[in-house]
Amino acid sequence: MVINKNCLKERQTIQKTKILEYLCSVTSHPNAETIYNHVKKVIPSITLATVYRNLNLLAKNKKILKLEINNEFRFDGDLSHHQHCICKKCGRISDGFNKKINEYALKNLNNNFKIDQVQIYYYGTCKNCKK
């Protein structure tokens, strides 16, 4: 398991730490229930409500990304500049890493508005569903 150490820098409860560790080790953009099922293996007493509360807190504090895709919240531990590619057939979410796209948006779409974050979604068909 590869963990991005940058996303583990604030004071942590064990629940928050395990949620962050999981999110920083996957690229699948899981929903809260998937995160809960994984963390429950390590912390059997954790509740789904605790997972939701911590995910919302982490997103509010900009430690993770909270994505609303197809009327469902998904979470991403990767805070680097990247885009999300969403398959309209299977719902799979993958990352795209074209740094210039986000840099352009941050620099050139300002219009008297301070942009803190850019989220770009591409919708299409993944290579598995194309077959």
N, C-alpha and C. Protein backbone atom coordinates (compact mmCIF):
# COMPACT_ATOMS: atom_id res chain seq x y z
N MET A 1 0.84 -1.17 0.00
CA MET A 1 0.00 0.00 0.00
C MET A 1 0.90 1.24 0.00
N VAL A 2 0.71 2.13 -0.98
CA VAL A 2 1.44 3.38 -1.08
C VAL A 2 0.58 4.49 -0.49
N ILE A 3 1.15 5.23 0.44
CA ILE A 3 0.39 6.27 1.12
C ILE A 3 1.04 7.63 0.85
N ASN A 4 0.23 8.59 0.43
CA ASN A 4 0.68 9.95 0.25
C ASN A 4 0.76 10.60 1.62
N LYS A 5 1.96 10.78 2.14
CA LYS A 5 2.16 11.29 3.51
C LYS A 5 1.66 12.72 3.70
N ASN A 6 1.55 13.49 2.62
CA ASN A 6 1.10 14.87 2.73
C ASN A 6 -0.32 14.98 3.25
N CYS A 7 -1.13 13.97 3.06
CA CYS A 7 -2.52 14.10 3.49
C CYS A 7 -2.71 13.61 4.93
N LEU A 8 -1.64 13.36 5.65
CA LEU A 8 -1.75 12.89 7.04
C LEU A 8 -1.17 13.90 8.04
N LYS A 9 -1.17 15.20 7.69
CA LYS A 9 -0.44 16.17 8.49
C LYS A 9 -1.21 16.86 9.62
N GLU A 10 -2.46 16.61 9.85
CA GLU A 10 -3.15 17.30 10.95
C GLU A 10 -3.35 16.34 12.12
N ARG A 11 -3.66 16.90 13.30
CA ARG A 11 -3.92 16.08 14.48
C ARG A 11 -5.04 15.10 14.16
N GLN A 12 -4.81 13.86 14.49
CA GLN A 12 -5.71 12.81 14.03
C GLN A 12 -6.30 12.00 15.18
N THR A 13 -7.53 11.59 14.98
CA THR A 13 -8.07 10.51 15.79
C THR A 13 -7.72 9.23 15.02
N ILE A 14 -7.82 8.11 15.64
CA ILE A 14 -7.51 6.85 14.95
C ILE A 14 -8.48 6.64 13.78
N GLN A 15 -9.74 7.03 13.98
CA GLN A 15 -10.73 6.89 12.91
C GLN A 15 -10.36 7.75 11.70
N LYS A 16 -10.03 9.00 11.96
CA LYS A 16 -9.66 9.91 10.88
C LYS A 16 -8.39 9.43 10.19
N THR A 17 -7.44 8.96 10.98
CA THR A 17 -6.18 8.47 10.40
C THR A 17 -6.42 7.29 9.47
N LYS A 18 -7.23 6.34 9.89
CA LYS A 18 -7.48 5.16 9.06
C LYS A 18 -8.28 5.51 7.81
N ILE A 19 -9.20 6.46 7.93
CA ILE A 19 -9.95 6.91 6.75
C ILE A 19 -9.00 7.57 5.76
N LEU A 20 -8.14 8.45 6.25
CA LEU A 20 -7.16 9.12 5.39
C LEU A 20 -6.18 8.13 4.77
N GLU A 21 -5.68 7.20 5.57
CA GLU A 21 -4.76 6.20 5.04
C GLU A 21 -5.39 5.43 3.89
N TYR A 22 -6.64 5.04 4.08
CA TYR A 22 -7.33 4.31 3.02
C TYR A 22 -7.49 5.17 1.77
N LEU A 23 -7.98 6.39 1.94
CA LEU A 23 -8.19 7.26 0.78
C LEU A 23 -6.89 7.59 0.06
N CYS A 24 -5.81 7.70 0.79
CA CYS A 24 -4.52 8.02 0.18
C CYS A 24 -3.86 6.80 -0.47
N SER A 25 -4.44 5.63 -0.26
CA SER A 25 -3.85 4.40 -0.82
C SER A 25 -4.63 3.86 -2.02
N VAL A 26 -5.76 4.49 -2.35
CA VAL A 26 -6.58 4.00 -3.47
C VAL A 26 -6.79 5.11 -4.49
N THR A 27 -7.10 4.70 -5.71
CA THR A 27 -7.41 5.67 -6.76
C THR A 27 -8.83 5.46 -7.28
N SER A 28 -9.63 4.73 -6.53
CA SER A 28 -10.96 4.33 -6.99
C SER A 28 -12.07 5.32 -6.67
N HIS A 29 -11.78 6.38 -5.90
CA HIS A 29 -12.78 7.39 -5.54
C HIS A 29 -14.00 6.75 -4.87
N PRO A 30 -13.78 6.08 -3.73
CA PRO A 30 -14.86 5.33 -3.08
C PRO A 30 -15.92 6.23 -2.47
N ASN A 31 -17.11 5.64 -2.27
CA ASN A 31 -18.16 6.34 -1.53
C ASN A 31 -17.99 6.03 -0.04
N ALA A 32 -18.80 6.64 0.80
CA ALA A 32 -18.67 6.49 2.25
C ALA A 32 -18.86 5.05 2.70
N GLU A 33 -19.79 4.34 2.08
CA GLU A 33 -20.05 2.95 2.48
C GLU A 33 -18.84 2.05 2.20
N THR A 34 -18.18 2.27 1.07
CA THR A 34 -16.98 1.49 0.74
C THR A 34 -15.86 1.79 1.73
N ILE A 35 -15.71 3.06 2.06
CA ILE A 35 -14.69 3.45 3.04
C ILE A 35 -15.01 2.83 4.39
N TYR A 36 -16.26 2.90 4.79
CA TYR A 36 -16.71 2.30 6.06
C TYR A 36 -16.39 0.80 6.09
N ASN A 37 -16.71 0.08 5.02
CA ASN A 37 -16.46 -1.37 4.98
C ASN A 37 -14.98 -1.69 5.09
N HIS A 38 -14.14 -0.86 4.52
CA HIS A 38 -12.69 -1.10 4.62
C HIS A 38 -12.19 -0.78 6.03
N VAL A 39 -12.55 0.39 6.56
CA VAL A 39 -12.04 0.83 7.86
C VAL A 39 -12.58 -0.06 8.98
N LYS A 40 -13.78 -0.58 8.80
CA LYS A 40 -14.39 -1.46 9.82
C LYS A 40 -13.54 -2.72 10.05
N LYS A 41 -12.80 -3.15 9.05
CA LYS A 41 -11.91 -4.31 9.21
C LYS A 41 -10.78 -4.01 10.20
N VAL A 42 -10.39 -2.74 10.27
CA VAL A 42 -9.30 -2.33 11.15
C VAL A 42 -9.83 -1.83 12.50
N ILE A 43 -10.99 -1.15 12.45
CA ILE A 43 -11.62 -0.62 13.66
C ILE A 43 -13.06 -1.15 13.69
N PRO A 44 -13.26 -2.35 14.23
CA PRO A 44 -14.59 -2.97 14.20
C PRO A 44 -15.69 -2.15 14.86
N SER A 45 -15.35 -1.28 15.79
CA SER A 45 -16.37 -0.51 16.50
C SER A 45 -16.79 0.77 15.77
N ILE A 46 -16.15 1.10 14.66
CA ILE A 46 -16.48 2.33 13.95
C ILE A 46 -17.89 2.24 13.37
N THR A 47 -18.58 3.37 13.33
CA THR A 47 -19.93 3.40 12.77
C THR A 47 -19.92 4.14 11.44
N LEU A 48 -20.93 3.90 10.64
CA LEU A 48 -21.07 4.60 9.37
C LEU A 48 -21.21 6.10 9.62
N ALA A 49 -21.92 6.47 10.68
CA ALA A 49 -22.07 7.90 11.02
C ALA A 49 -20.72 8.55 11.31
N THR A 50 -19.83 7.83 11.98
CA THR A 50 -18.49 8.36 12.26
C THR A 50 -17.71 8.56 10.97
N VAL A 51 -17.84 7.63 10.05
CA VAL A 51 -17.16 7.76 8.75
C VAL A 51 -17.68 8.99 8.02
N TYR A 52 -19.00 9.14 7.93
CA TYR A 52 -19.59 10.31 7.27
C TYR A 52 -19.11 11.61 7.93
N ARG A 53 -19.15 11.66 9.24
CA ARG A 53 -18.76 12.86 9.97
C ARG A 53 -17.30 13.23 9.68
N ASN A 54 -16.42 12.23 9.70
CA ASN A 54 -15.00 12.47 9.44
C ASN A 54 -14.75 12.84 7.98
N LEU A 55 -15.44 12.21 7.06
CA LEU A 55 -15.27 12.56 5.65
C LEU A 55 -15.69 14.00 5.40
N ASN A 56 -16.81 14.41 5.98
CA ASN A 56 -17.26 15.79 5.80
C ASN A 56 -16.29 16.78 6.44
N LEU A 57 -15.75 16.45 7.59
CA LEU A 57 -14.78 17.30 8.25
C LEU A 57 -13.48 17.40 7.43
N LEU A 58 -13.01 16.26 6.95
CA LEU A 58 -11.79 16.25 6.14
C LEU A 58 -11.97 17.06 4.85
N ALA A 59 -13.13 16.94 4.24
CA ALA A 59 -13.41 17.70 3.01
C ALA A 59 -13.50 19.20 3.33
N LYS A 60 -14.16 19.54 4.42
CA LYS A 60 -14.30 20.94 4.82
C LYS A 60 -12.93 21.57 5.09
N ASN A 61 -12.04 20.79 5.69
CA ASN A 61 -10.69 21.27 6.01
C ASN A 61 -9.71 21.08 4.84
N LYS A 62 -10.23 20.72 3.68
CA LYS A 62 -9.46 20.58 2.44
C LYS A 62 -8.32 19.56 2.56
N LYS A 63 -8.59 18.47 3.28
CA LYS A 63 -7.63 17.37 3.39
C LYS A 63 -7.91 16.29 2.35
N ILE A 64 -9.16 16.26 1.86
CA ILE A 64 -9.58 15.33 0.81
C ILE A 64 -10.53 16.08 -0.12
N LEU A 65 -10.78 15.49 -1.28
CA LEU A 65 -11.78 16.04 -2.20
C LEU A 65 -13.09 15.29 -2.01
N LYS A 66 -14.17 16.03 -2.01
CA LYS A 66 -15.51 15.46 -1.97
C LYS A 66 -16.14 15.75 -3.33
N LEU A 67 -16.41 14.71 -4.08
CA LEU A 67 -16.92 14.84 -5.44
C LEU A 67 -18.37 14.40 -5.48
N GLU A 68 -19.22 15.18 -6.10
CA GLU A 68 -20.60 14.75 -6.30
C GLU A 68 -20.73 14.30 -7.75
N ILE A 69 -20.87 13.01 -7.92
CA ILE A 69 -20.93 12.41 -9.25
C ILE A 69 -22.13 11.49 -9.32
N ASN A 70 -22.98 11.73 -10.31
CA ASN A 70 -24.19 10.92 -10.49
C ASN A 70 -25.03 10.85 -9.21
N ASN A 71 -25.22 12.00 -8.57
CA ASN A 71 -26.02 12.12 -7.34
C ASN A 71 -25.49 11.30 -6.18
N GLU A 72 -24.18 11.08 -6.16
CA GLU A 72 -23.55 10.34 -5.07
C GLU A 72 -22.24 11.03 -4.71
N PHE A 73 -21.93 11.09 -3.43
CA PHE A 73 -20.66 11.66 -3.01
C PHE A 73 -19.58 10.59 -3.05
N ARG A 74 -18.46 10.94 -3.68
CA ARG A 74 -17.29 10.09 -3.75
C ARG A 74 -16.13 10.90 -3.18
N PHE A 75 -15.08 10.22 -2.74
CA PHE A 75 -14.00 10.89 -2.04
C PHE A 75 -12.65 10.54 -2.66
N ASP A 76 -11.74 11.51 -2.61
CA ASP A 76 -10.44 11.37 -3.25
C ASP A 76 -9.38 11.93 -2.30
N GLY A 77 -8.37 11.13 -2.00
CA GLY A 77 -7.27 11.57 -1.15
C GLY A 77 -6.18 12.29 -1.90
N ASP A 78 -6.27 12.35 -3.22
CA ASP A 78 -5.25 13.00 -4.04
C ASP A 78 -5.63 14.46 -4.25
N LEU A 79 -4.88 15.36 -3.64
CA LEU A 79 -5.17 16.79 -3.74
C LEU A 79 -4.37 17.48 -4.85
N SER A 80 -3.62 16.72 -5.61
CA SER A 80 -2.85 17.32 -6.69
C SER A 80 -3.79 17.80 -7.80
N HIS A 81 -3.28 18.66 -8.65
CA HIS A 81 -4.07 19.14 -9.79
C HIS A 81 -4.32 17.97 -10.74
N HIS A 82 -5.58 17.59 -10.85
CA HIS A 82 -5.93 16.53 -11.79
C HIS A 82 -7.40 16.61 -12.13
N GLN A 83 -7.79 15.85 -13.15
CA GLN A 83 -9.16 15.83 -13.62
C GLN A 83 -9.75 14.45 -13.34
N HIS A 84 -11.07 14.35 -13.44
CA HIS A 84 -11.74 13.08 -13.22
C HIS A 84 -12.48 12.65 -14.49
N CYS A 85 -12.23 11.42 -14.89
CA CYS A 85 -12.86 10.84 -16.07
C CYS A 85 -13.91 9.85 -15.59
N ILE A 86 -15.16 10.06 -15.97
CA ILE A 86 -16.27 9.26 -15.47
C ILE A 86 -16.91 8.50 -16.61
N CYS A 87 -16.96 7.17 -16.48
CA CYS A 87 -17.58 6.34 -17.50
C CYS A 87 -19.10 6.38 -17.32
N LYS A 88 -19.80 6.75 -18.39
CA LYS A 88 -21.26 6.84 -18.33
C LYS A 88 -21.92 5.46 -18.35
N LYS A 89 -21.16 4.42 -18.70
CA LYS A 89 -21.75 3.08 -18.72
C LYS A 89 -21.59 2.36 -17.39
N CYS A 90 -20.37 2.29 -16.86
CA CYS A 90 -20.13 1.52 -15.63
C CYS A 90 -19.97 2.39 -14.39
N GLY A 91 -19.79 3.70 -14.56
CA GLY A 91 -19.64 4.60 -13.43
C GLY A 91 -18.24 4.71 -12.87
N ARG A 92 -17.28 3.99 -13.47
CA ARG A 92 -15.90 4.03 -12.98
C ARG A 92 -15.34 5.44 -13.09
N ILE A 93 -14.57 5.84 -12.09
CA ILE A 93 -13.93 7.15 -12.08
C ILE A 93 -12.43 6.93 -12.11
N SER A 94 -11.78 7.55 -13.07
CA SER A 94 -10.32 7.47 -13.13
C SER A 94 -9.76 8.88 -13.17
N ASP A 95 -8.49 8.99 -12.86
CA ASP A 95 -7.84 10.30 -12.81
C ASP A 95 -7.16 10.60 -14.13
N GLY A 96 -7.17 11.89 -14.49
CA GLY A 96 -6.40 12.39 -15.62
C GLY A 96 -5.44 13.43 -15.06
N PHE A 97 -4.22 13.41 -15.54
CA PHE A 97 -3.21 14.32 -14.99
C PHE A 97 -2.64 15.23 -16.07
N ASN A 98 -3.46 16.19 -16.50
CA ASN A 98 -3.00 17.22 -17.41
C ASN A 98 -2.92 18.50 -16.60
N LYS A 99 -1.75 18.76 -16.05
CA LYS A 99 -1.53 19.87 -15.14
C LYS A 99 -1.83 21.22 -15.80
N LYS A 100 -1.58 21.33 -17.09
CA LYS A 100 -1.78 22.60 -17.80
C LYS A 100 -3.25 23.03 -17.81
N ILE A 101 -4.17 22.08 -17.83
CA ILE A 101 -5.60 22.41 -17.85
C ILE A 101 -5.99 23.13 -16.57
N ASN A 102 -5.62 22.59 -15.42
CA ASN A 102 -5.95 23.22 -14.14
C ASN A 102 -5.21 24.55 -13.98
N GLU A 103 -3.94 24.60 -14.38
CA GLU A 103 -3.17 25.85 -14.28
C GLU A 103 -3.83 26.94 -15.11
N TYR A 104 -4.28 26.61 -16.31
CA TYR A 104 -4.94 27.58 -17.17
C TYR A 104 -6.21 28.12 -16.49
N ALA A 105 -6.99 27.21 -15.94
CA ALA A 105 -8.23 27.64 -15.28
C ALA A 105 -7.93 28.53 -14.08
N LEU A 106 -6.94 28.19 -13.29
CA LEU A 106 -6.60 28.98 -12.12
C LEU A 106 -6.08 30.37 -12.49
N LYS A 107 -5.37 30.48 -13.60
CA LYS A 107 -4.76 31.75 -14.00
C LYS A 107 -5.68 32.61 -14.86
N ASN A 108 -6.47 32.01 -15.73
CA ASN A 108 -7.14 32.76 -16.78
C ASN A 108 -8.65 32.89 -16.65
N LEU A 109 -9.25 32.22 -15.73
CA LEU A 109 -10.70 32.30 -15.58
C LEU A 109 -11.06 33.10 -14.33
N ASN A 110 -10.23 34.04 -13.98
CA ASN A 110 -10.34 34.75 -12.72
C ASN A 110 -11.51 35.72 -12.67
N ASN A 111 -11.60 36.70 -13.55
CA ASN A 111 -12.70 37.68 -13.59
C ASN A 111 -13.11 38.20 -12.22
N ASN A 112 -12.18 38.79 -11.48
CA ASN A 112 -12.47 39.35 -10.15
C ASN A 112 -13.02 38.31 -9.18
N PHE A 113 -12.59 37.11 -9.32
CA PHE A 113 -13.04 36.01 -8.47
C PHE A 113 -11.83 35.18 -8.11
N LYS A 114 -11.55 35.00 -6.82
CA LYS A 114 -10.39 34.22 -6.40
C LYS A 114 -10.74 32.74 -6.45
N ILE A 115 -10.07 32.02 -7.32
CA ILE A 115 -10.32 30.60 -7.48
C ILE A 115 -9.37 29.84 -6.56
N ASP A 116 -9.93 28.99 -5.70
CA ASP A 116 -9.13 28.18 -4.78
C ASP A 116 -8.89 26.77 -5.32
N GLN A 117 -9.84 26.29 -6.07
CA GLN A 117 -9.78 24.90 -6.50
C GLN A 117 -10.52 24.77 -7.83
N VAL A 118 -10.02 23.88 -8.65
CA VAL A 118 -10.66 23.59 -9.93
C VAL A 118 -10.98 22.10 -9.95
N GLN A 119 -12.22 21.77 -10.29
CA GLN A 119 -12.59 20.37 -10.48
C GLN A 119 -13.15 20.22 -11.89
N ILE A 120 -12.50 19.39 -12.66
CA ILE A 120 -12.90 19.17 -14.05
C ILE A 120 -13.31 17.71 -14.20
N TYR A 121 -14.50 17.51 -14.78
CA TYR A 121 -15.02 16.17 -15.00
C TYR A 121 -15.17 15.94 -16.50
N TYR A 122 -14.69 14.80 -16.94
CA TYR A 122 -14.90 14.36 -18.32
C TYR A 122 -15.83 13.17 -18.26
N TYR A 123 -16.87 13.18 -19.06
CA TYR A 123 -17.81 12.06 -19.14
C TYR A 123 -17.65 11.39 -20.49
N GLY A 124 -17.60 10.07 -20.47
CA GLY A 124 -17.45 9.31 -21.70
C GLY A 124 -17.54 7.83 -21.42
N THR A 125 -16.79 7.04 -22.17
CA THR A 125 -16.79 5.60 -22.03
C THR A 125 -15.37 5.12 -21.76
N CYS A 126 -15.20 4.34 -20.70
CA CYS A 126 -13.86 3.83 -20.36
C CYS A 126 -13.46 2.74 -21.36
N LYS A 127 -12.17 2.42 -21.35
CA LYS A 127 -11.66 1.43 -22.32
C LYS A 127 -12.27 0.04 -22.11
N ASN A 128 -12.61 -0.32 -20.87
CA ASN A 128 -13.23 -1.63 -20.62
C ASN A 128 -14.62 -1.71 -21.22
N CYS A 129 -15.39 -0.61 -21.12
CA CYS A 129 -16.76 -0.61 -21.65
C CYS A 129 -16.77 -0.45 -23.18
N LYS A 130 -15.70 0.08 -23.74
CA LYS A 130 -15.61 0.24 -25.20
C LYS A 130 -15.54 -1.11 -25.92
N LYS A 131 -14.97 -2.11 -25.23
CA LYS A 131 -14.75 -3.43 -25.85
C LYS A 131 -16.04 -4.10 -26.20
